[in-house]
Amino acid sequence: MLEGIAAAAQLPAVGSNEVQRDDTLDAQRKLGKALRLSWSKRATRGFFLRAEDFFGFLKRMARLKAELMMEMLEAAQQYKASDRSPTALGLKQGPLAASLAEMEKRYGAELDANSHGQSFLKLFQSRFVPGGLYLMDEPEAPLSPQSQLALLAMIGDMVKQNTQFIIATHSPILLAFPGARIYNFDVIPVRAVAYEELDHVRITRDFLNAPGRYLDQLLSSPPDPLSVPSSPRGPLSGPERGNEGTKKKGARK
């Protein structure tokens, strides 16, 4: 769904091929053509981000930085060997240095030296703008709970500036954003749900309240990847099991 919305809104992708040109997203582009987006004010800025694509983005940024620095070094060696003037060398290196400076200004001097979570947050800090539309698929993947709280704070600041977010997430922390509209895509038809109804919220809370009970049940019986241990309040009901994998779609605030 996120890819379809990104295609319909013609948003750029971060860290991957553009949705309009990605050969693996033909079905999503067809969905995008079938969608009819309604705007109170058309967003012209924003991006689409899948967490798994961000790791490739980091590698590309590190490779680009290394290539720029190597080109500057090679230019210095060549100009020195040919006895070219410092002015000529400056003209050659100027655009390269400007590109490096812009990259460091936007993403930090050592983006690749940070943890994935720190780099993720720096990307958001550099790319979020008022009035934008941001589609994010499981942004919690590289983020610690503390970093998820930092992301929540960023989203809150941007929402106050008429920014919109649509987020697919399993994170009880991100799902708790005040006033978010939460939709369950694991049932047909898709329906809006309350935060307290979400299995991700209930199971996480119950586990943290009584980890021993869950662990005893998990480790004392043969593993069954499709089963969920009973919570301290009793076994899960059928409808509760059916709602696992709930994702959130945050709409205009």
Foldseek 3Di string as FASTA:
>chain_A
DLLLCCLLLVFAAAQDHGSVPDPVNPVSNVSNVVDDDDDPDRAPAEHEYELVSVVNNLVVLVVLLVVLVVVLVVLVVVCVVVVHDPVVSCVVNVVSVVVLVVSCVQQNNCLVPDQSLVSLVSNCVRRQDARHEYEYEANCVRPDPVSLVVVLVVVVVRLVRFYWYFYWHLDLSVVPNPPFFFWQVLDPPIDTDDSVLALSVVVVVQCVVPVPQQCCVCPVDPHDVLDGDAGPVGRDDPVSSSRPSGTGTGGRD
